[in-house]
Amino acid sequence: MEVNQENANGVEIFSVKGSLDSNTSPEFESLIYKSLENGQRKLILDLENLDYISSAGIRVMLKTTKDLKRLDGNIVLCSLQDYVREVFDIAGFDGYLNIEKNLDGAMGRV
């Protein structure tokens, strides 16, 4: 897994490439929570280059969503490949998570 992190107009954008699974999700979670500890409350997860996500990766996203709601923040996922989107749809999390088709849509929703 590779993660590119950048800040655009006060929004922290994490672009994830590769697999988000039980081996890589702790590192990813650590990056996200460092951002939250630094006061960031608006996050976008750009998943255009995410090839695979396991339940461990989904757990990180759900936990982050829950924590940000408690902090009056927001997280938006965007640019999901069809097979990654299907994982969220099947699990029923598509109604709980904010998902947009592209980065522009995510920026407008965060």
PDB file of N, CA and C in Angstrom:
ATOM      1  N   MET A   1       0.837  -1.175   0.000  1.00  0.00           N
ATOM      2  CA  MET A   1       0.000   0.000   0.000  1.00  0.00           C
ATOM      3  C   MET A   1       0.885   1.242   0.000  1.00  0.00           C
ATOM      4  N   GLU A   2       0.476   2.204  -0.797  1.00  0.00           N
ATOM      5  CA  GLU A   2       1.103   3.518  -0.823  1.00  0.00           C
ATOM      6  C   GLU A   2       0.027   4.554  -0.534  1.00  0.00           C
ATOM      7  N   VAL A   3       0.376   5.551   0.263  1.00  0.00           N
ATOM      8  CA  VAL A   3      -0.569   6.614   0.585  1.00  0.00           C
ATOM      9  C   VAL A   3       0.094   7.952   0.309  1.00  0.00           C
ATOM     10  N   ASN A   4      -0.569   8.758  -0.506  1.00  0.00           N
ATOM     11  CA  ASN A   4      -0.140  10.127  -0.747  1.00  0.00           C
ATOM     12  C   ASN A   4      -1.097  11.021   0.039  1.00  0.00           C
ATOM     13  N   GLN A   5      -0.530  11.886   0.862  1.00  0.00           N
ATOM     14  CA  GLN A   5      -1.336  12.751   1.711  1.00  0.00           C
ATOM     15  C   GLN A   5      -1.073  14.193   1.346  1.00  0.00           C
ATOM     16  N   GLU A   6      -2.147  14.958   1.121  1.00  0.00           N
ATOM     17  CA  GLU A   6      -1.994  16.375   0.806  1.00  0.00           C
ATOM     18  C   GLU A   6      -3.159  17.155   1.388  1.00  0.00           C
ATOM     19  N   ASN A   7      -2.959  18.442   1.569  1.00  0.00           N
ATOM     20  CA  ASN A   7      -4.002  19.308   2.084  1.00  0.00           C
ATOM     21  C   ASN A   7      -4.377  20.290   0.987  1.00  0.00           C
ATOM     22  N   ALA A   8      -5.679  20.358   0.697  1.00  0.00           N
ATOM     23  CA  ALA A   8      -6.188  21.283  -0.319  1.00  0.00           C
ATOM     24  C   ALA A   8      -7.366  22.046   0.263  1.00  0.00           C
ATOM     25  N   ASN A   9      -7.212  23.338   0.408  1.00  0.00           N
ATOM     26  CA  ASN A   9      -8.283  24.200   0.913  1.00  0.00           C
ATOM     27  C   ASN A   9      -8.817  23.731   2.267  1.00  0.00           C
ATOM     28  N   GLY A  10      -7.917  23.294   3.148  1.00  0.00           N
ATOM     29  CA  GLY A  10      -8.320  22.874   4.484  1.00  0.00           C
ATOM     30  C   GLY A  10      -8.863  21.461   4.572  1.00  0.00           C
ATOM     31  N   VAL A  11      -8.785  20.719   3.477  1.00  0.00           N
ATOM     32  CA  VAL A  11      -9.260  19.337   3.436  1.00  0.00           C
ATOM     33  C   VAL A  11      -8.054  18.416   3.278  1.00  0.00           C
ATOM     34  N   GLU A  12      -7.936  17.425   4.152  1.00  0.00           N
ATOM     35  CA  GLU A  12      -6.851  16.461   4.057  1.00  0.00           C
ATOM     36  C   GLU A  12      -7.280  15.347   3.107  1.00  0.00           C
ATOM     37  N   ILE A  13      -6.495  15.130   2.058  1.00  0.00           N
ATOM     38  CA  ILE A  13      -6.821  14.124   1.047  1.00  0.00           C
ATOM     39  C   ILE A  13      -5.792  13.004   1.134  1.00  0.00           C
ATOM     40  N   PHE A  14      -6.295  11.791   1.333  1.00  0.00           N
ATOM     41  CA  PHE A  14      -5.459  10.597   1.369  1.00  0.00           C
ATOM     42  C   PHE A  14      -5.738   9.807   0.091  1.00  0.00           C
ATOM     43  N   SER A  15      -4.755   9.692  -0.782  1.00  0.00           N
ATOM     44  CA  SER A  15      -4.882   8.899  -2.003  1.00  0.00           C
ATOM     45  C   SER A  15      -4.214   7.551  -1.737  1.00  0.00           C
ATOM     46  N   VAL A  16      -5.006   6.482  -1.823  1.00  0.00           N
ATOM     47  CA  VAL A  16      -4.526   5.156  -1.453  1.00  0.00           C
ATOM     48  C   VAL A  16      -4.317   4.313  -2.703  1.00  0.00           C
ATOM     49  N   LYS A  17      -3.166   3.647  -2.753  1.00  0.00           N
ATOM     50  CA  LYS A  17      -2.836   2.783  -3.886  1.00  0.00           C
ATOM     51  C   LYS A  17      -2.453   1.402  -3.361  1.00  0.00           C
ATOM     52  N   GLY A  18      -2.987   0.362  -3.996  1.00  0.00           N
ATOM     53  CA  GLY A  18      -2.637  -1.001  -3.606  1.00  0.00           C
ATOM     54  C   GLY A  18      -3.735  -1.666  -2.815  1.00  0.00           C
ATOM     55  N   SER A  19      -3.348  -2.383  -1.764  1.00  0.00           N
ATOM     56  CA  SER A  19      -4.294  -3.152  -0.949  1.00  0.00           C
ATOM     57  C   SER A  19      -4.398  -2.562   0.450  1.00  0.00           C
ATOM     58  N   LEU A  20      -5.623  -2.531   0.937  1.00  0.00           N
ATOM     59  CA  LEU A  20      -5.880  -2.110   2.313  1.00  0.00           C
ATOM     60  C   LEU A  20      -6.448  -3.325   3.035  1.00  0.00           C
ATOM     61  N   ASP A  21      -5.580  -3.990   3.793  1.00  0.00           N
ATOM     62  CA  ASP A  21      -5.952  -5.254   4.431  1.00  0.00           C
ATOM     63  C   ASP A  21      -5.414  -5.296   5.855  1.00  0.00           C
ATOM     64  N   SER A  22      -5.419  -6.461   6.462  1.00  0.00           N
ATOM     65  CA  SER A  22      -4.987  -6.573   7.852  1.00  0.00           C
ATOM     66  C   SER A  22      -3.512  -6.216   8.032  1.00  0.00           C
ATOM     67  N   ASN A  23      -2.721  -6.336   6.998  1.00  0.00           N
ATOM     68  CA  ASN A  23      -1.303  -5.981   7.087  1.00  0.00           C
ATOM     69  C   ASN A  23      -1.058  -4.483   6.948  1.00  0.00           C
ATOM     70  N   THR A  24      -1.861  -3.811   6.139  1.00  0.00           N
ATOM     71  CA  THR A  24      -1.612  -2.403   5.842  1.00  0.00           C
ATOM     72  C   THR A  24      -2.542  -1.434   6.571  1.00  0.00           C
ATOM     73  N   SER A  25      -3.681  -1.909   7.058  1.00  0.00           N
ATOM     74  CA  SER A  25      -4.644  -0.997   7.686  1.00  0.00           C
ATOM     75  C   SER A  25      -4.127  -0.326   8.963  1.00  0.00           C
ATOM     76  N   PRO A  26      -3.282  -0.979   9.791  1.00  0.00           N
ATOM     77  CA  PRO A  26      -2.765  -0.256  10.965  1.00  0.00           C
ATOM     78  C   PRO A  26      -1.940   0.981  10.580  1.00  0.00           C
ATOM     79  N   GLU A  27      -1.133   0.867   9.552  1.00  0.00           N
ATOM     80  CA  GLU A  27      -0.350   2.015   9.084  1.00  0.00           C
ATOM     81  C   GLU A  27      -1.268   3.123   8.569  1.00  0.00           C
ATOM     82  N   PHE A  28      -2.282   2.738   7.808  1.00  0.00           N
ATOM     83  CA  PHE A  28      -3.234   3.698   7.261  1.00  0.00           C
ATOM     84  C   PHE A  28      -4.002   4.393   8.390  1.00  0.00           C
ATOM     85  N   GLU A  29      -4.450   3.618   9.359  1.00  0.00           N
ATOM     86  CA  GLU A  29      -5.179   4.172  10.496  1.00  0.00           C
ATOM     87  C   GLU A  29      -4.298   5.164  11.260  1.00  0.00           C
ATOM     88  N   SER A  30      -3.034   4.846  11.412  1.00  0.00           N
ATOM     89  CA  SER A  30      -2.104   5.731  12.104  1.00  0.00           C
ATOM     90  C   SER A  30      -1.970   7.074  11.376  1.00  0.00           C
ATOM     91  N   LEU A  31      -1.888   7.041  10.050  1.00  0.00           N
ATOM     92  CA  LEU A  31      -1.805   8.277   9.265  1.00  0.00           C
ATOM     93  C   LEU A  31      -3.054   9.142   9.458  1.00  0.00           C
ATOM     94  N   ILE A  32      -4.202   8.490   9.414  1.00  0.00           N
ATOM     95  CA  ILE A  32      -5.458   9.222   9.574  1.00  0.00           C
ATOM     96  C   ILE A  32      -5.536   9.851  10.962  1.00  0.00           C
ATOM     97  N   TYR A  33      -5.207   9.076  11.987  1.00  0.00           N
ATOM     98  CA  TYR A  33      -5.358   9.594  13.348  1.00  0.00           C
ATOM     99  C   TYR A  33      -4.309  10.632  13.710  1.00  0.00           C
ATOM    100  N   LYS A  34      -3.164  10.624  13.064  1.00  0.00           N
ATOM    101  CA  LYS A  34      -2.204  11.717  13.245  1.00  0.00           C
ATOM    102  C   LYS A  34      -2.816  13.004  12.721  1.00  0.00           C
ATOM    103  N   SER A  35      -3.506  12.902  11.605  1.00  0.00           N
ATOM    104  CA  SER A  35      -4.177  14.063  11.027  1.00  0.00           C
ATOM    105  C   SER A  35      -5.270  14.578  11.969  1.00  0.00           C
ATOM    106  N   LEU A  36      -6.048  13.668  12.543  1.00  0.00           N
ATOM    107  CA  LEU A  36      -7.099  14.073  13.485  1.00  0.00           C
ATOM    108  C   LEU A  36      -6.499  14.699  14.740  1.00  0.00           C
ATOM    109  N   GLU A  37      -5.411  14.123  15.240  1.00  0.00           N
ATOM    110  CA  GLU A  37      -4.741  14.674  16.420  1.00  0.00           C
ATOM    111  C   GLU A  37      -4.220  16.082  16.162  1.00  0.00           C
ATOM    112  N   ASN A  38      -3.895  16.371  14.905  1.00  0.00           N
ATOM    113  CA  ASN A  38      -3.422  17.705  14.526  1.00  0.00           C
ATOM    114  C   ASN A  38      -4.577  18.669  14.257  1.00  0.00           C
ATOM    115  N   GLY A  39      -5.804  18.237  14.518  1.00  0.00           N
ATOM    116  CA  GLY A  39      -6.955  19.127  14.403  1.00  0.00           C
ATOM    117  C   GLY A  39      -7.717  19.049  13.101  1.00  0.00           C
ATOM    118  N   GLN A  40      -7.302  18.188  12.201  1.00  0.00           N
ATOM    119  CA  GLN A  40      -7.999  18.080  10.917  1.00  0.00           C
ATOM    120  C   GLN A  40      -9.368  17.443  11.125  1.00  0.00           C
ATOM    121  N   ARG A  41     -10.409  18.026  10.524  1.00  0.00           N
ATOM    122  CA  ARG A  41     -11.767  17.515  10.682  1.00  0.00           C
ATOM    123  C   ARG A  41     -12.469  17.226   9.356  1.00  0.00           C
ATOM    124  N   LYS A  42     -11.793  17.518   8.242  1.00  0.00           N
ATOM    125  CA  LYS A  42     -12.353  17.258   6.921  1.00  0.00           C
ATOM    126  C   LYS A  42     -11.389  16.360   6.165  1.00  0.00           C
ATOM    127  N   LEU A  43     -11.844  15.134   5.859  1.00  0.00           N
ATOM    128  CA  LEU A  43     -10.993  14.165   5.181  1.00  0.00           C
ATOM    129  C   LEU A  43     -11.654  13.650   3.918  1.00  0.00           C
ATOM    130  N   ILE A  44     -10.835  13.399   2.913  1.00  0.00           N
ATOM    131  CA  ILE A  44     -11.274  12.705   1.704  1.00  0.00           C
ATOM    132  C   ILE A  44     -10.338  11.523   1.509  1.00  0.00           C
ATOM    133  N   LEU A  45     -10.928  10.364   1.255  1.00  0.00           N
ATOM    134  CA  LEU A  45     -10.160   9.181   0.906  1.00  0.00           C
ATOM    135  C   LEU A  45     -10.371   8.932  -0.579  1.00  0.00           C
ATOM    136  N   ASP A  46      -9.352   9.216  -1.373  1.00  0.00           N
ATOM    137  CA  ASP A  46      -9.399   8.993  -2.819  1.00  0.00           C
ATOM    138  C   ASP A  46      -8.936   7.561  -3.071  1.00  0.00           C
ATOM    139  N   LEU A  47      -9.865   6.714  -3.464  1.00  0.00           N
ATOM    140  CA  LEU A  47      -9.594   5.286  -3.596  1.00  0.00           C
ATOM    141  C   LEU A  47      -9.506   4.831  -5.045  1.00  0.00           C
ATOM    142  N   GLU A  48      -9.185   5.745  -5.938  1.00  0.00           N
ATOM    143  CA  GLU A  48      -9.102   5.429  -7.368  1.00  0.00           C
ATOM    144  C   GLU A  48      -8.117   4.299  -7.657  1.00  0.00           C
ATOM    145  N   ASN A  49      -7.030   4.237  -6.918  1.00  0.00           N
ATOM    146  CA  ASN A  49      -6.001   3.227  -7.165  1.00  0.00           C
ATOM    147  C   ASN A  49      -5.972   2.131  -6.105  1.00  0.00           C
ATOM    148  N   LEU A  50      -7.058   2.005  -5.352  1.00  0.00           N
ATOM    149  CA  LEU A  50      -7.168   0.931  -4.374  1.00  0.00           C
ATOM    150  C   LEU A  50      -7.595  -0.336  -5.105  1.00  0.00           C
ATOM    151  N   ASP A  51      -6.752  -1.360  -5.033  1.00  0.00           N
ATOM    152  CA  ASP A  51      -7.012  -2.612  -5.746  1.00  0.00           C
ATOM    153  C   ASP A  51      -7.823  -3.610  -4.930  1.00  0.00           C
ATOM    154  N   TYR A  52      -7.692  -3.529  -3.599  1.00  0.00           N
ATOM    155  CA  TYR A  52      -8.328  -4.529  -2.743  1.00  0.00           C
ATOM    156  C   TYR A  52      -8.565  -3.919  -1.369  1.00  0.00           C
ATOM    157  N   ILE A  53      -9.708  -4.254  -0.767  1.00  0.00           N
ATOM    158  CA  ILE A  53      -9.986  -3.844   0.601  1.00  0.00           C
ATOM    159  C   ILE A  53     -10.575  -5.027   1.353  1.00  0.00           C
ATOM    160  N   SER A  54     -10.080  -5.258   2.546  1.00  0.00           N
ATOM    161  CA  SER A  54     -10.598  -6.331   3.396  1.00  0.00           C
ATOM    162  C   SER A  54     -11.456  -5.716   4.501  1.00  0.00           C
ATOM    163  N   SER A  55     -11.988  -6.564   5.345  1.00  0.00           N
ATOM    164  CA  SER A  55     -12.798  -6.080   6.462  1.00  0.00           C
ATOM    165  C   SER A  55     -11.976  -5.186   7.390  1.00  0.00           C
ATOM    166  N   ALA A  56     -10.678  -5.429   7.495  1.00  0.00           N
ATOM    167  CA  ALA A  56      -9.819  -4.581   8.329  1.00  0.00           C
ATOM    168  C   ALA A  56      -9.761  -3.159   7.778  1.00  0.00           C
ATOM    169  N   GLY A  57      -9.687  -3.017   6.469  1.00  0.00           N
ATOM    170  CA  GLY A  57      -9.690  -1.703   5.847  1.00  0.00           C
ATOM    171  C   GLY A  57     -11.020  -0.996   6.005  1.00  0.00           C
ATOM    172  N   ILE A  58     -12.092  -1.744   5.858  1.00  0.00           N
ATOM    173  CA  ILE A  58     -13.424  -1.174   6.042  1.00  0.00           C
ATOM    174  C   ILE A  58     -13.598  -0.702   7.484  1.00  0.00           C
ATOM    175  N   ARG A  59     -13.078  -1.490   8.422  1.00  0.00           N
ATOM    176  CA  ARG A  59     -13.186  -1.125   9.832  1.00  0.00           C
ATOM    177  C   ARG A  59     -12.540   0.235  10.095  1.00  0.00           C
ATOM    178  N   VAL A  60     -11.379   0.485   9.502  1.00  0.00           N
ATOM    179  CA  VAL A  60     -10.708   1.773   9.679  1.00  0.00           C
ATOM    180  C   VAL A  60     -11.602   2.903   9.185  1.00  0.00           C
ATOM    181  N   MET A  61     -12.219   2.722   8.041  1.00  0.00           N
ATOM    182  CA  MET A  61     -13.077   3.760   7.474  1.00  0.00           C
ATOM    183  C   MET A  61     -14.318   3.994   8.327  1.00  0.00           C
ATOM    184  N   LEU A  62     -14.922   2.920   8.818  1.00  0.00           N
ATOM    185  CA  LEU A  62     -16.106   3.057   9.663  1.00  0.00           C
ATOM    186  C   LEU A  62     -15.766   3.727  10.991  1.00  0.00           C
ATOM    187  N   LYS A  63     -14.660   3.334  11.592  1.00  0.00           N
ATOM    188  CA  LYS A  63     -14.238   3.922  12.869  1.00  0.00           C
ATOM    189  C   LYS A  63     -13.932   5.405  12.688  1.00  0.00           C
ATOM    190  N   THR A  64     -13.252   5.750  11.604  1.00  0.00           N
ATOM    191  CA  THR A  64     -12.933   7.144  11.330  1.00  0.00           C
ATOM    192  C   THR A  64     -14.205   7.952  11.119  1.00  0.00           C
ATOM    193  N   THR A  65     -15.159   7.400  10.387  1.00  0.00           N
ATOM    194  CA  THR A  65     -16.436   8.077  10.159  1.00  0.00           C
ATOM    195  C   THR A  65     -17.139   8.356  11.479  1.00  0.00           C
ATOM    196  N   LYS A  66     -17.193   7.347  12.328  1.00  0.00           N
ATOM    197  CA  LYS A  66     -17.849   7.486  13.639  1.00  0.00           C
ATOM    198  C   LYS A  66     -17.149   8.547  14.488  1.00  0.00           C
ATOM    199  N   ASP A  67     -15.823   8.501  14.534  1.00  0.00           N
ATOM    200  CA  ASP A  67     -15.072   9.457  15.335  1.00  0.00           C
ATOM    201  C   ASP A  67     -15.219  10.881  14.806  1.00  0.00           C
ATOM    202  N   LEU A  68     -15.212  11.041  13.488  1.00  0.00           N
ATOM    203  CA  LEU A  68     -15.366  12.377  12.913  1.00  0.00           C
ATOM    204  C   LEU A  68     -16.756  12.944  13.158  1.00  0.00           C
ATOM    205  N   LYS A  69     -17.776  12.103  13.132  1.00  0.00           N
ATOM    206  CA  LYS A  69     -19.127  12.589  13.433  1.00  0.00           C
ATOM    207  C   LYS A  69     -19.184  13.131  14.857  1.00  0.00           C
ATOM    208  N   ARG A  70     -18.526  12.435  15.775  1.00  0.00           N
ATOM    209  CA  ARG A  70     -18.486  12.860  17.174  1.00  0.00           C
ATOM    210  C   ARG A  70     -17.741  14.199  17.305  1.00  0.00           C
ATOM    211  N   LEU A  71     -16.777  14.450  16.437  1.00  0.00           N
ATOM    212  CA  LEU A  71     -15.974  15.672  16.465  1.00  0.00           C
ATOM    213  C   LEU A  71     -16.521  16.762  15.542  1.00  0.00           C
ATOM    214  N   ASP A  72     -17.739  16.562  15.029  1.00  0.00           N
ATOM    215  CA  ASP A  72     -18.361  17.485  14.071  1.00  0.00           C
ATOM    216  C   ASP A  72     -17.524  17.638  12.809  1.00  0.00           C
ATOM    217  N   GLY A  73     -16.880  16.555  12.398  1.00  0.00           N
ATOM    218  CA  GLY A  73     -16.110  16.544  11.169  1.00  0.00           C
ATOM    219  C   GLY A  73     -16.820  15.743  10.099  1.00  0.00           C
ATOM    220  N   ASN A  74     -16.112  15.484   9.006  1.00  0.00           N
ATOM    221  CA  ASN A  74     -16.712  14.757   7.894  1.00  0.00           C
ATOM    222  C   ASN A  74     -15.630  14.019   7.117  1.00  0.00           C
ATOM    223  N   ILE A  75     -16.019  12.887   6.574  1.00  0.00           N
ATOM    224  CA  ILE A  75     -15.142  12.104   5.717  1.00  0.00           C
ATOM    225  C   ILE A  75     -15.941  11.684   4.486  1.00  0.00           C
ATOM    226  N   VAL A  76     -15.301  11.782   3.331  1.00  0.00           N
ATOM    227  CA  VAL A  76     -15.931  11.383   2.073  1.00  0.00           C
ATOM    228  C   VAL A  76     -14.966  10.468   1.328  1.00  0.00           C
ATOM    229  N   LEU A  77     -15.491   9.359   0.828  1.00  0.00           N
ATOM    230  CA  LEU A  77     -14.730   8.445  -0.009  1.00  0.00           C
ATOM    231  C   LEU A  77     -15.046   8.771  -1.459  1.00  0.00           C
ATOM    232  N   CYS A  78     -14.056   8.652  -2.344  1.00  0.00           N
ATOM    233  CA  CYS A  78     -14.349   8.945  -3.744  1.00  0.00           C
ATOM    234  C   CYS A  78     -13.540   8.053  -4.676  1.00  0.00           C
ATOM    235  N   SER A  79     -13.994   8.025  -5.916  1.00  0.00           N
ATOM    236  CA  SER A  79     -13.318   7.359  -7.030  1.00  0.00           C
ATOM    237  C   SER A  79     -13.100   5.867  -6.797  1.00  0.00           C
ATOM    238  N   LEU A  80     -14.094   5.205  -6.233  1.00  0.00           N
ATOM    239  CA  LEU A  80     -13.979   3.774  -5.963  1.00  0.00           C
ATOM    240  C   LEU A  80     -14.088   2.965  -7.248  1.00  0.00           C
ATOM    241  N   GLN A  81     -13.187   1.992  -7.407  1.00  0.00           N
ATOM    242  CA  GLN A  81     -13.305   1.037  -8.506  1.00  0.00           C
ATOM    243  C   GLN A  81     -14.597   0.241  -8.285  1.00  0.00           C
ATOM    244  N   ASP A  82     -15.184  -0.279  -9.353  1.00  0.00           N
ATOM    245  CA  ASP A  82     -16.451  -0.996  -9.248  1.00  0.00           C
ATOM    246  C   ASP A  82     -16.390  -2.147  -8.248  1.00  0.00           C
ATOM    247  N   TYR A  83     -15.303  -2.921  -8.267  1.00  0.00           N
ATOM    248  CA  TYR A  83     -15.208  -4.077  -7.387  1.00  0.00           C
ATOM    249  C   TYR A  83     -15.007  -3.666  -5.927  1.00  0.00           C
ATOM    250  N   VAL A  84     -14.406  -2.511  -5.678  1.00  0.00           N
ATOM    251  CA  VAL A  84     -14.281  -2.006  -4.307  1.00  0.00           C
ATOM    252  C   VAL A  84     -15.632  -1.460  -3.855  1.00  0.00           C
ATOM    253  N   ARG A  85     -16.304  -0.742  -4.735  1.00  0.00           N
ATOM    254  CA  ARG A  85     -17.639  -0.205  -4.408  1.00  0.00           C
ATOM    255  C   ARG A  85     -18.603  -1.337  -4.081  1.00  0.00           C
ATOM    256  N   GLU A  86     -18.487  -2.438  -4.800  1.00  0.00           N
ATOM    257  CA  GLU A  86     -19.357  -3.584  -4.570  1.00  0.00           C
ATOM    258  C   GLU A  86     -19.195  -4.138  -3.155  1.00  0.00           C
ATOM    259  N   VAL A  87     -17.988  -4.127  -2.624  1.00  0.00           N
ATOM    260  CA  VAL A  87     -17.746  -4.588  -1.255  1.00  0.00           C
ATOM    261  C   VAL A  87     -18.559  -3.739  -0.272  1.00  0.00           C
ATOM    262  N   PHE A  88     -18.544  -2.423  -0.450  1.00  0.00           N
ATOM    263  CA  PHE A  88     -19.312  -1.535   0.423  1.00  0.00           C
ATOM    264  C   PHE A  88     -20.811  -1.740   0.242  1.00  0.00           C
ATOM    265  N   ASP A  89     -21.244  -1.929  -0.996  1.00  0.00           N
ATOM    266  CA  ASP A  89     -22.666  -2.138  -1.270  1.00  0.00           C
ATOM    267  C   ASP A  89     -23.165  -3.434  -0.637  1.00  0.00           C
ATOM    268  N   ILE A  90     -22.432  -4.512  -0.829  1.00  0.00           N
ATOM    269  CA  ILE A  90     -22.833  -5.815  -0.293  1.00  0.00           C
ATOM    270  C   ILE A  90     -22.883  -5.786   1.234  1.00  0.00           C
ATOM    271  N   ALA A  91     -21.904  -5.117   1.838  1.00  0.00           N
ATOM    272  CA  ALA A  91     -21.845  -5.035   3.298  1.00  0.00           C
ATOM    273  C   ALA A  91     -22.898  -4.086   3.870  1.00  0.00           C
ATOM    274  N   GLY A  92     -23.515  -3.293   3.008  1.00  0.00           N
ATOM    275  CA  GLY A  92     -24.547  -2.367   3.452  1.00  0.00           C
ATOM    276  C   GLY A  92     -24.007  -1.056   4.003  1.00  0.00           C
ATOM    277  N   PHE A  93     -22.731  -0.777   3.769  1.00  0.00           N
ATOM    278  CA  PHE A  93     -22.128   0.436   4.296  1.00  0.00           C
ATOM    279  C   PHE A  93     -22.240   1.617   3.343  1.00  0.00           C
ATOM    280  N   ASP A  94     -22.738   1.387   2.143  1.00  0.00           N
ATOM    281  CA  ASP A  94     -22.876   2.477   1.186  1.00  0.00           C
ATOM    282  C   ASP A  94     -23.853   3.538   1.684  1.00  0.00           C
ATOM    283  N   GLY A  95     -24.808   3.161   2.533  1.00  0.00           N
ATOM    284  CA  GLY A  95     -25.750   4.127   3.095  1.00  0.00           C
ATOM    285  C   GLY A  95     -25.196   4.873   4.298  1.00  0.00           C
ATOM    286  N   TYR A  96     -24.171   4.327   4.919  1.00  0.00           N
ATOM    287  CA  TYR A  96     -23.579   4.924   6.122  1.00  0.00           C
ATOM    288  C   TYR A  96     -22.404   5.845   5.783  1.00  0.00           C
ATOM    289  N   LEU A  97     -21.668   5.479   4.743  1.00  0.00           N
ATOM    290  CA  LEU A  97     -20.491   6.242   4.337  1.00  0.00           C
ATOM    291  C   LEU A  97     -20.839   7.227   3.228  1.00  0.00           C
ATOM    292  N   ASN A  98     -20.193   8.377   3.248  1.00  0.00           N
ATOM    293  CA  ASN A  98     -20.350   9.355   2.172  1.00  0.00           C
ATOM    294  C   ASN A  98     -19.438   8.939   1.026  1.00  0.00           C
ATOM    295  N   ILE A  99     -20.042   8.604  -0.114  1.00  0.00           N
ATOM    296  CA  ILE A  99     -19.277   8.146  -1.267  1.00  0.00           C
ATOM    297  C   ILE A  99     -19.632   9.005  -2.481  1.00  0.00           C
ATOM    298  N   GLU A 100     -18.604   9.527  -3.131  1.00  0.00           N
ATOM    299  CA  GLU A 100     -18.784  10.333  -4.336  1.00  0.00           C
ATOM    300  C   GLU A 100     -18.048   9.690  -5.505  1.00  0.00           C
ATOM    301  N   LYS A 101     -18.468  10.046  -6.722  1.00  0.00           N
ATOM    302  CA  LYS A 101     -17.879   9.453  -7.927  1.00  0.00           C
ATOM    303  C   LYS A 101     -16.460   9.917  -8.185  1.00  0.00           C
ATOM    304  N   ASN A 102     -16.158  11.170  -7.814  1.00  0.00           N
ATOM    305  CA  ASN A 102     -14.827  11.704  -8.121  1.00  0.00           C
ATOM    306  C   ASN A 102     -14.395  12.707  -7.056  1.00  0.00           C
ATOM    307  N   LEU A 103     -13.165  13.160  -7.180  1.00  0.00           N
ATOM    308  CA  LEU A 103     -12.590  14.074  -6.195  1.00  0.00           C
ATOM    309  C   LEU A 103     -13.334  15.411  -6.157  1.00  0.00           C
ATOM    310  N   ASP A 104     -13.752  15.911  -7.301  1.00  0.00           N
ATOM    311  CA  ASP A 104     -14.498  17.182  -7.330  1.00  0.00           C
ATOM    312  C   ASP A 104     -15.788  17.067  -6.538  1.00  0.00           C
ATOM    313  N   GLY A 105     -16.495  15.955  -6.723  1.00  0.00           N
ATOM    314  CA  GLY A 105     -17.727  15.721  -5.975  1.00  0.00           C
ATOM    315  C   GLY A 105     -17.463  15.624  -4.487  1.00  0.00           C
ATOM    316  N   ALA A 106     -16.385  14.978  -4.125  1.00  0.00           N
ATOM    317  CA  ALA A 106     -16.016  14.832  -2.718  1.00  0.00           C
ATOM    318  C   ALA A 106     -15.678  16.190  -2.095  1.00  0.00           C
ATOM    319  N   MET A 107     -14.958  17.022  -2.827  1.00  0.00           N
ATOM    320  CA  MET A 107     -14.611  18.354  -2.315  1.00  0.00           C
ATOM    321  C   MET A 107     -15.864  19.190  -2.062  1.00  0.00           C
ATOM    322  N   GLY A 108     -16.878  19.005  -2.890  1.00  0.00           N
ATOM    323  CA  GLY A 108     -18.127  19.732  -2.706  1.00  0.00           C
ATOM    324  C   GLY A 108     -18.969  19.205  -1.562  1.00  0.00           C
ATOM    325  N   ARG A 109     -18.678  18.012  -1.110  1.00  0.00           N
ATOM    326  CA  ARG A 109     -19.501  17.397  -0.075  1.00  0.00           C
ATOM    327  C   ARG A 109     -18.848  17.395   1.307  1.00  0.00           C
ATOM    328  N   VAL A 110     -17.536  17.556   1.345  1.00  0.00           N
ATOM    329  CA  VAL A 110     -16.852  17.506   2.624  1.00  0.00           C
ATOM    330  C   VAL A 110     -17.080  18.765   3.421  1.00  0.00           C
TER     331      VAL A 110
END
